[in-house]
Amino acid sequence: MANAIPQQQETSPACPPPLPDTPKKPIKKLPSDVEVPADATVEDVKVAVAGQARVGDFNRIGLFDPSTGKILKDRKAIVRELETVMKPGELLVKDLGPQIAWRTVFIIEYLGPILIHLGVVAARPFLYKGGSGPMSQTQILTFGMVIAHFVKRELETMFVHRFGASTMPAFNIFKNSAYYWLLSGVLVALFVYSPQSEAAVASNQLIDLAGFVVYMFSEISNAIVHLNLASLRPKGTTKKGIPTGYGFGLVTCPNYMFEVLGWIAVITVSRSWTVAVFTACGIWQMKQWAWQKEKAYRTQFGEKYKKHRYTMLPGLF
């Protein structure tokens, strides 16, 4: 371990020194201490450590609270205001490995289903035995709903979402993308656009209409919630206010609630078990995220936050 240096006054350009990394991923040229301005943020310290350690991407540098061992997630937090860090006068440092921007991750994730659905529809005469005739109206409607959903997500990723964390481990992109590319992409497209699918022989247009109406309501509602959430985090900061307004009176994460409702509408129109499988997997994952959000809100805002009984789906969980 590197020796801790005494805390210095606010005007002194010093911060606690970093400590060596774990043996698995040592940072060979890790400095014993770094000099930064008194108002340095966690991100500033990461930049300073990376510069002295000659690590090309400062996002690889992970800073951890020495008392709890937890990573310092808020990259805009002022280090001198972190009592558990300043008191011992040291930080734990770890190489997090190659990183990739969260925005890039989402763009790649959502691009997969768009390309796959377009590809399967274009290749229908070659994919199915005996060729295939024109798609049914229900298949065309399903195709439009799926494409529109992921195009909306791409636009939100580029112009609406604001991310608290800059990057994630680059390798995780394969795991994250597999869910969208394989389930909502390959699995759904191959079965729904088949000449033998339920959507190919569907004839009840009232079901299609009902599903489409619910779908439009859900997508618009989901977008409203995303815009609301984005407004709570000023651009260029990691600060976040207490979410209120449309949908938040019912559950912690109404964006997840409307997301699920939208995919139930796609299930209704497509009549496909494959869409149900994709939706079920999504519900399981979003349930975990929703509970984490509720827990984080309670911890961050305390009594100011009105606790929710249901985090994602009213009456269920």
Protein backbone atom coordinates (compact mmCIF):
# COMPACT_ATOMS: atom_id res chain seq x y z
CA MET A 1 0.00 0.00 0.00
CA ALA A 2 1.09 3.54 -0.62
CA ASN A 3 1.58 5.70 2.41
CA ALA A 4 -1.25 8.11 3.12
CA ILE A 5 -0.47 11.80 3.11
CA PRO A 6 -1.97 14.22 5.63
CA GLN A 7 -5.05 16.15 4.64
CA GLN A 8 -4.14 19.63 3.47
CA GLN A 9 -6.09 22.83 3.61
CA GLU A 10 -8.68 23.68 1.00
CA THR A 11 -6.28 25.93 -0.85
CA SER A 12 -3.66 23.23 -1.22
CA PRO A 13 -3.63 21.45 -4.62
CA ALA A 14 -3.53 17.99 -3.11
CA CYS A 15 -5.78 14.94 -2.89
CA PRO A 16 -5.44 11.54 -1.21
CA PRO A 17 -2.93 9.27 -2.93
CA PRO A 18 -4.12 6.20 -4.79
CA LEU A 19 -3.32 2.70 -3.57
CA PRO A 20 -2.00 -0.15 -5.69
CA ASP A 21 -4.35 -2.29 -7.71
CA THR A 22 -5.19 -5.92 -7.05
CA PRO A 23 -2.56 -8.45 -8.27
CA LYS A 24 -4.86 -9.63 -11.10
CA LYS A 25 -4.69 -6.31 -12.96
CA PRO A 26 -1.73 -4.34 -11.61
CA ILE A 27 -1.10 -0.82 -12.79
CA LYS A 28 2.66 -0.98 -13.23
CA LYS A 29 3.38 2.74 -13.05
CA LEU A 30 0.79 3.68 -10.44
CA PRO A 31 1.96 6.85 -8.63
CA SER A 32 2.11 6.91 -4.85
CA ASP A 33 0.30 10.26 -4.84
CA VAL A 34 -1.14 12.81 -7.24
CA GLU A 35 -1.45 16.59 -7.19
CA VAL A 36 -4.81 18.05 -8.23
CA PRO A 37 -6.77 21.26 -7.50
CA ALA A 38 -8.64 21.51 -4.21
CA ASP A 39 -11.96 21.31 -6.05
CA ALA A 40 -10.94 18.22 -8.03
CA THR A 41 -13.69 15.76 -8.93
CA VAL A 42 -13.44 11.99 -9.00
CA GLU A 43 -13.02 12.24 -12.77
CA ASP A 44 -10.19 14.77 -12.35
CA VAL A 45 -8.35 12.34 -10.10
CA LYS A 46 -8.84 9.53 -12.62
CA VAL A 47 -7.37 11.73 -15.34
CA ALA A 48 -4.40 12.61 -13.13
CA VAL A 49 -3.75 8.98 -12.17
CA ALA A 50 -4.07 7.82 -15.77
CA GLY A 51 -1.67 10.51 -16.93
CA GLN A 52 1.04 9.61 -14.43
CA ALA A 53 0.48 5.88 -14.84
CA ARG A 54 0.56 6.29 -18.64
CA VAL A 55 -2.85 4.66 -19.08
CA GLY A 56 -4.28 5.85 -22.40
CA ASP A 57 -7.97 5.89 -21.40
CA PHE A 58 -8.65 7.45 -18.00
CA ASN A 59 -12.02 5.66 -17.92
CA ARG A 60 -10.08 2.44 -17.23
CA ILE A 61 -9.10 3.84 -13.85
CA GLY A 62 -11.49 2.75 -11.10
CA LEU A 63 -11.41 4.64 -7.80
CA PHE A 64 -12.80 2.90 -4.72
CA ASP A 65 -13.73 4.03 -1.23
CA PRO A 66 -11.04 2.57 1.10
CA SER A 67 -13.52 2.05 3.94
CA THR A 68 -16.26 0.23 2.01
CA GLY A 69 -14.44 -1.04 -1.06
CA LYS A 70 -17.24 0.36 -3.25
CA ILE A 71 -16.45 2.15 -6.48
CA LEU A 72 -16.94 5.92 -6.55
CA LYS A 73 -19.70 6.08 -9.14
CA ASP A 74 -20.33 9.83 -9.16
CA ARG A 75 -17.57 11.08 -11.47
CA LYS A 76 -18.51 14.71 -10.73
CA ALA A 77 -18.30 14.35 -6.93
CA ILE A 78 -15.77 16.67 -5.24
CA VAL A 79 -13.14 14.44 -3.63
CA ARG A 80 -12.49 16.69 -0.65
CA GLU A 81 -16.19 16.43 0.24
CA LEU A 82 -16.01 12.63 0.48
CA GLU A 83 -15.40 12.17 4.20
CA THR A 84 -14.72 8.43 4.05
CA VAL A 85 -11.99 9.11 1.49
CA MET A 86 -10.40 12.20 3.04
CA LYS A 87 -10.31 10.85 6.59
CA PRO A 88 -7.89 8.00 5.84
CA GLY A 89 -6.27 10.12 3.12
CA GLU A 90 -6.12 7.39 0.52
CA LEU A 91 -7.96 5.75 -2.36
CA LEU A 92 -8.12 2.26 -3.77
CA VAL A 93 -7.28 2.08 -7.46
CA LYS A 94 -8.01 -0.64 -9.98
CA ASP A 95 -7.64 -1.10 -13.72
CA LEU A 96 -11.20 -1.71 -14.95
CA GLY A 97 -10.01 -2.93 -18.34
CA PRO A 98 -10.99 -1.63 -21.81
CA GLN A 99 -14.05 0.63 -21.70
CA ILE A 100 -16.76 1.66 -24.15
CA ALA A 101 -19.15 4.62 -23.96
CA TRP A 102 -22.65 3.80 -22.71
CA ARG A 103 -24.19 5.77 -25.55
CA THR A 104 -22.26 3.67 -28.07
CA VAL A 105 -23.40 0.48 -26.34
CA PHE A 106 -27.06 1.41 -26.63
CA ILE A 107 -26.73 2.45 -30.26
CA ILE A 108 -25.16 -0.93 -31.12
CA GLU A 109 -27.71 -2.88 -29.06
CA TYR A 110 -30.72 -1.31 -30.74
CA LEU A 111 -29.24 -1.28 -34.23
CA GLY A 112 -29.08 -5.09 -34.26
CA PRO A 113 -32.85 -5.79 -34.28
CA ILE A 114 -33.42 -3.09 -36.92
CA LEU A 115 -30.89 -4.63 -39.31
CA ILE A 116 -31.98 -8.20 -38.58
CA HIS A 117 -35.69 -7.55 -39.16
CA LEU A 118 -34.94 -5.65 -42.35
CA GLY A 119 -32.64 -8.47 -43.50
CA VAL A 120 -35.09 -11.29 -42.74
CA VAL A 121 -37.96 -9.52 -44.53
CA ALA A 122 -35.75 -8.87 -47.56
CA ALA A 123 -34.52 -12.48 -47.60
CA ARG A 124 -37.89 -14.20 -47.07
CA PRO A 125 -37.91 -15.86 -50.56
CA PHE A 126 -34.59 -17.54 -49.71
CA LEU A 127 -35.11 -18.34 -46.02
CA TYR A 128 -38.28 -20.40 -46.09
CA LYS A 129 -38.83 -23.68 -47.84
CA GLY A 130 -40.80 -23.29 -51.04
CA GLY A 131 -40.29 -19.53 -50.99
CA SER A 132 -42.89 -17.15 -49.64
CA GLY A 133 -45.63 -14.90 -50.88
CA PRO A 134 -46.30 -11.35 -49.74
CA MET A 135 -46.47 -10.76 -46.01
CA SER A 136 -49.90 -10.47 -44.42
CA GLN A 137 -51.17 -7.15 -43.10
CA THR A 138 -50.57 -8.42 -39.58
CA GLN A 139 -46.96 -9.30 -40.39
CA ILE A 140 -46.43 -5.89 -41.96
CA LEU A 141 -47.94 -4.20 -38.90
CA THR A 142 -45.73 -6.23 -36.55
CA PHE A 143 -42.69 -5.34 -38.65
CA GLY A 144 -43.54 -1.64 -38.47
CA MET A 145 -44.10 -1.75 -34.71
CA VAL A 146 -40.78 -3.46 -34.01
CA ILE A 147 -38.77 -1.19 -36.32
CA ALA A 148 -40.46 1.96 -34.98
CA HIS A 149 -39.75 0.89 -31.39
CA PHE A 150 -36.02 0.47 -31.92
CA VAL A 151 -35.71 3.58 -34.10
CA LYS A 152 -37.33 5.50 -31.22
CA ARG A 153 -34.78 4.00 -28.86
CA GLU A 154 -31.92 5.03 -31.11
CA LEU A 155 -33.21 8.61 -31.27
CA GLU A 156 -33.63 8.73 -27.48
CA THR A 157 -30.11 7.40 -27.01
CA MET A 158 -28.64 10.08 -29.25
CA PHE A 159 -30.74 13.07 -28.22
CA VAL A 160 -32.55 12.43 -24.91
CA HIS A 161 -30.74 10.12 -22.49
CA ARG A 162 -28.14 11.54 -20.13
CA PHE A 163 -25.78 9.07 -18.55
CA GLY A 164 -24.44 9.20 -15.01
CA ALA A 165 -21.54 6.93 -15.91
CA SER A 166 -19.48 7.58 -19.02
CA THR A 167 -18.40 4.05 -19.86
CA MET A 168 -18.82 0.36 -19.14
CA PRO A 169 -16.45 -2.62 -19.60
CA ALA A 170 -16.10 -3.12 -23.35
CA PHE A 171 -16.52 -6.90 -23.17
CA ASN A 172 -20.02 -6.51 -21.70
CA ILE A 173 -21.28 -5.24 -25.05
CA PHE A 174 -21.43 -8.83 -26.31
CA LYS A 175 -23.61 -9.93 -23.38
CA ASN A 176 -25.84 -6.87 -23.60
CA SER A 177 -26.25 -7.06 -27.36
CA ALA A 178 -27.04 -10.79 -27.37
CA TYR A 179 -30.38 -10.15 -25.66
CA TYR A 180 -31.55 -7.76 -28.36
CA TRP A 181 -29.82 -9.24 -31.39
CA LEU A 182 -30.70 -12.87 -30.72
CA LEU A 183 -34.11 -12.65 -29.01
CA SER A 184 -35.87 -9.58 -30.40
CA GLY A 185 -33.86 -9.85 -33.61
CA VAL A 186 -33.17 -13.36 -34.91
CA LEU A 187 -35.75 -15.34 -32.90
CA VAL A 188 -38.69 -12.97 -33.39
CA ALA A 189 -37.97 -12.14 -37.04
CA LEU A 190 -37.49 -15.73 -38.23
CA PHE A 191 -40.74 -16.93 -36.67
CA VAL A 192 -43.04 -13.93 -37.15
CA TYR A 193 -42.27 -13.42 -40.85
CA SER A 194 -42.55 -17.12 -41.71
CA PRO A 195 -45.41 -18.07 -44.09
CA GLN A 196 -46.52 -20.56 -41.43
CA SER A 197 -46.63 -18.11 -38.51
CA GLU A 198 -49.80 -17.10 -36.68
CA ALA A 199 -49.33 -13.57 -37.99
CA ALA A 200 -49.27 -14.87 -41.57
CA VAL A 201 -52.77 -16.34 -41.30
CA ALA A 202 -54.31 -13.83 -38.83
CA SER A 203 -57.63 -12.43 -40.00
CA ASN A 204 -59.09 -10.54 -37.03
CA GLN A 205 -58.34 -6.89 -37.74
CA LEU A 206 -59.96 -5.76 -34.49
CA ILE A 207 -57.18 -7.51 -32.56
CA ASP A 208 -54.59 -5.78 -34.74
CA LEU A 209 -56.25 -2.41 -34.18
CA ALA A 210 -56.52 -2.86 -30.43
CA GLY A 211 -52.88 -3.91 -30.21
CA PHE A 212 -51.75 -0.97 -32.31
CA VAL A 213 -53.69 1.55 -30.21
CA VAL A 214 -52.15 0.20 -26.98
CA TYR A 215 -48.75 0.19 -28.66
CA MET A 216 -48.98 3.86 -29.66
CA PHE A 217 -50.15 4.86 -26.19
CA SER A 218 -47.26 2.95 -24.61
CA GLU A 219 -44.57 4.30 -26.91
CA ILE A 220 -45.70 7.90 -26.49
CA SER A 221 -46.00 7.47 -22.72
CA ASN A 222 -42.56 5.88 -22.54
CA ALA A 223 -41.09 8.82 -24.46
CA ILE A 224 -42.76 11.32 -22.11
CA VAL A 225 -41.23 9.59 -19.10
CA HIS A 226 -37.78 9.52 -20.72
CA LEU A 227 -37.97 13.24 -21.45
CA ASN A 228 -39.03 13.84 -17.84
CA LEU A 229 -36.10 11.80 -16.50
CA ALA A 230 -33.66 13.62 -18.77
CA SER A 231 -34.87 16.97 -17.44
CA LEU A 232 -33.92 15.92 -13.90
CA ARG A 233 -30.23 15.72 -14.80
CA PRO A 234 -28.71 19.00 -16.02
CA LYS A 235 -26.54 18.47 -19.08
CA GLY A 236 -22.92 17.69 -18.23
CA THR A 237 -23.67 16.72 -14.61
CA THR A 238 -24.41 13.54 -12.68
CA LYS A 239 -26.91 15.20 -10.35
CA LYS A 240 -30.45 13.91 -10.38
CA GLY A 241 -33.69 15.14 -8.87
CA ILE A 242 -36.62 13.21 -7.46
CA PRO A 243 -38.75 11.96 -10.37
CA THR A 244 -42.39 13.05 -10.30
CA GLY A 245 -45.19 13.55 -12.79
CA TYR A 246 -46.64 11.31 -15.49
CA GLY A 247 -46.63 7.69 -14.31
CA PHE A 248 -44.45 8.21 -11.24
CA GLY A 249 -47.43 8.24 -8.93
CA LEU A 250 -48.06 4.59 -9.80
CA VAL A 251 -44.60 3.02 -9.83
CA THR A 252 -40.94 3.86 -9.37
CA CYS A 253 -40.10 3.28 -13.03
CA PRO A 254 -43.05 4.07 -15.30
CA ASN A 255 -40.72 3.92 -18.31
CA TYR A 256 -40.40 0.18 -17.65
CA MET A 257 -44.15 -0.12 -17.12
CA PHE A 258 -44.92 1.44 -20.50
CA GLU A 259 -42.12 -0.58 -22.12
CA VAL A 260 -43.77 -3.81 -20.97
CA LEU A 261 -47.22 -2.62 -22.03
CA GLY A 262 -45.87 -1.80 -25.49
CA TRP A 263 -44.40 -5.27 -25.95
CA ILE A 264 -47.62 -6.87 -24.73
CA ALA A 265 -49.26 -4.97 -27.59
CA VAL A 266 -46.70 -6.46 -30.00
CA ILE A 267 -47.46 -9.93 -28.61
CA THR A 268 -51.16 -9.28 -29.23
CA VAL A 269 -50.62 -8.28 -32.86
CA SER A 270 -47.95 -10.84 -33.75
CA ARG A 271 -49.65 -13.74 -31.90
CA SER A 272 -46.11 -15.07 -31.44
CA TRP A 273 -44.60 -16.95 -28.52
CA THR A 274 -41.19 -15.60 -29.54
CA VAL A 275 -42.20 -12.03 -28.68
CA ALA A 276 -43.56 -13.34 -25.37
CA VAL A 277 -40.20 -14.96 -24.57
CA PHE A 278 -38.33 -11.74 -25.33
CA THR A 279 -40.81 -9.74 -23.21
CA ALA A 280 -40.61 -12.18 -20.28
CA CYS A 281 -36.82 -11.95 -20.22
CA GLY A 282 -37.09 -8.17 -20.31
CA ILE A 283 -39.55 -8.11 -17.42
CA TRP A 284 -37.21 -10.22 -15.30
CA GLN A 285 -34.28 -7.87 -15.92
CA MET A 286 -36.25 -4.64 -15.58
CA LYS A 287 -37.70 -5.88 -12.31
CA GLN A 288 -34.16 -6.03 -10.89
CA TRP A 289 -33.32 -2.57 -12.21
CA ALA A 290 -36.55 -1.08 -10.89
CA TRP A 291 -35.92 -2.34 -7.37
CA GLN A 292 -32.35 -1.00 -7.51
CA LYS A 293 -33.74 2.39 -8.57
CA GLU A 294 -36.23 2.43 -5.69
CA LYS A 295 -33.47 1.51 -3.23
CA ALA A 296 -31.17 4.19 -4.65
CA TYR A 297 -33.87 6.88 -4.42
CA ARG A 298 -34.58 6.01 -0.79
CA THR A 299 -30.87 6.13 0.05
CA GLN A 300 -30.13 9.31 -1.90
CA PHE A 301 -33.16 11.42 -1.00
CA GLY A 302 -34.21 9.97 2.37
CA GLU A 303 -37.45 11.37 3.78
CA LYS A 304 -37.85 13.72 0.83
CA TYR A 305 -38.61 10.75 -1.38
CA LYS A 306 -42.10 9.24 -1.28
CA LYS A 307 -41.60 5.49 -1.17
CA HIS A 308 -43.33 3.33 -3.76
CA ARG A 309 -44.96 0.01 -3.02
CA TYR A 310 -44.66 -1.11 -6.63
CA THR A 311 -41.51 -0.46 -8.62
CA MET A 312 -42.61 -1.42 -12.14
CA LEU A 313 -46.04 -3.05 -12.55
CA PRO A 314 -48.92 -1.89 -10.31
CA GLY A 315 -50.34 -4.72 -8.23
CA LEU A 316 -47.48 -7.11 -9.08
CA PHE A 317 -44.04 -5.75 -8.20
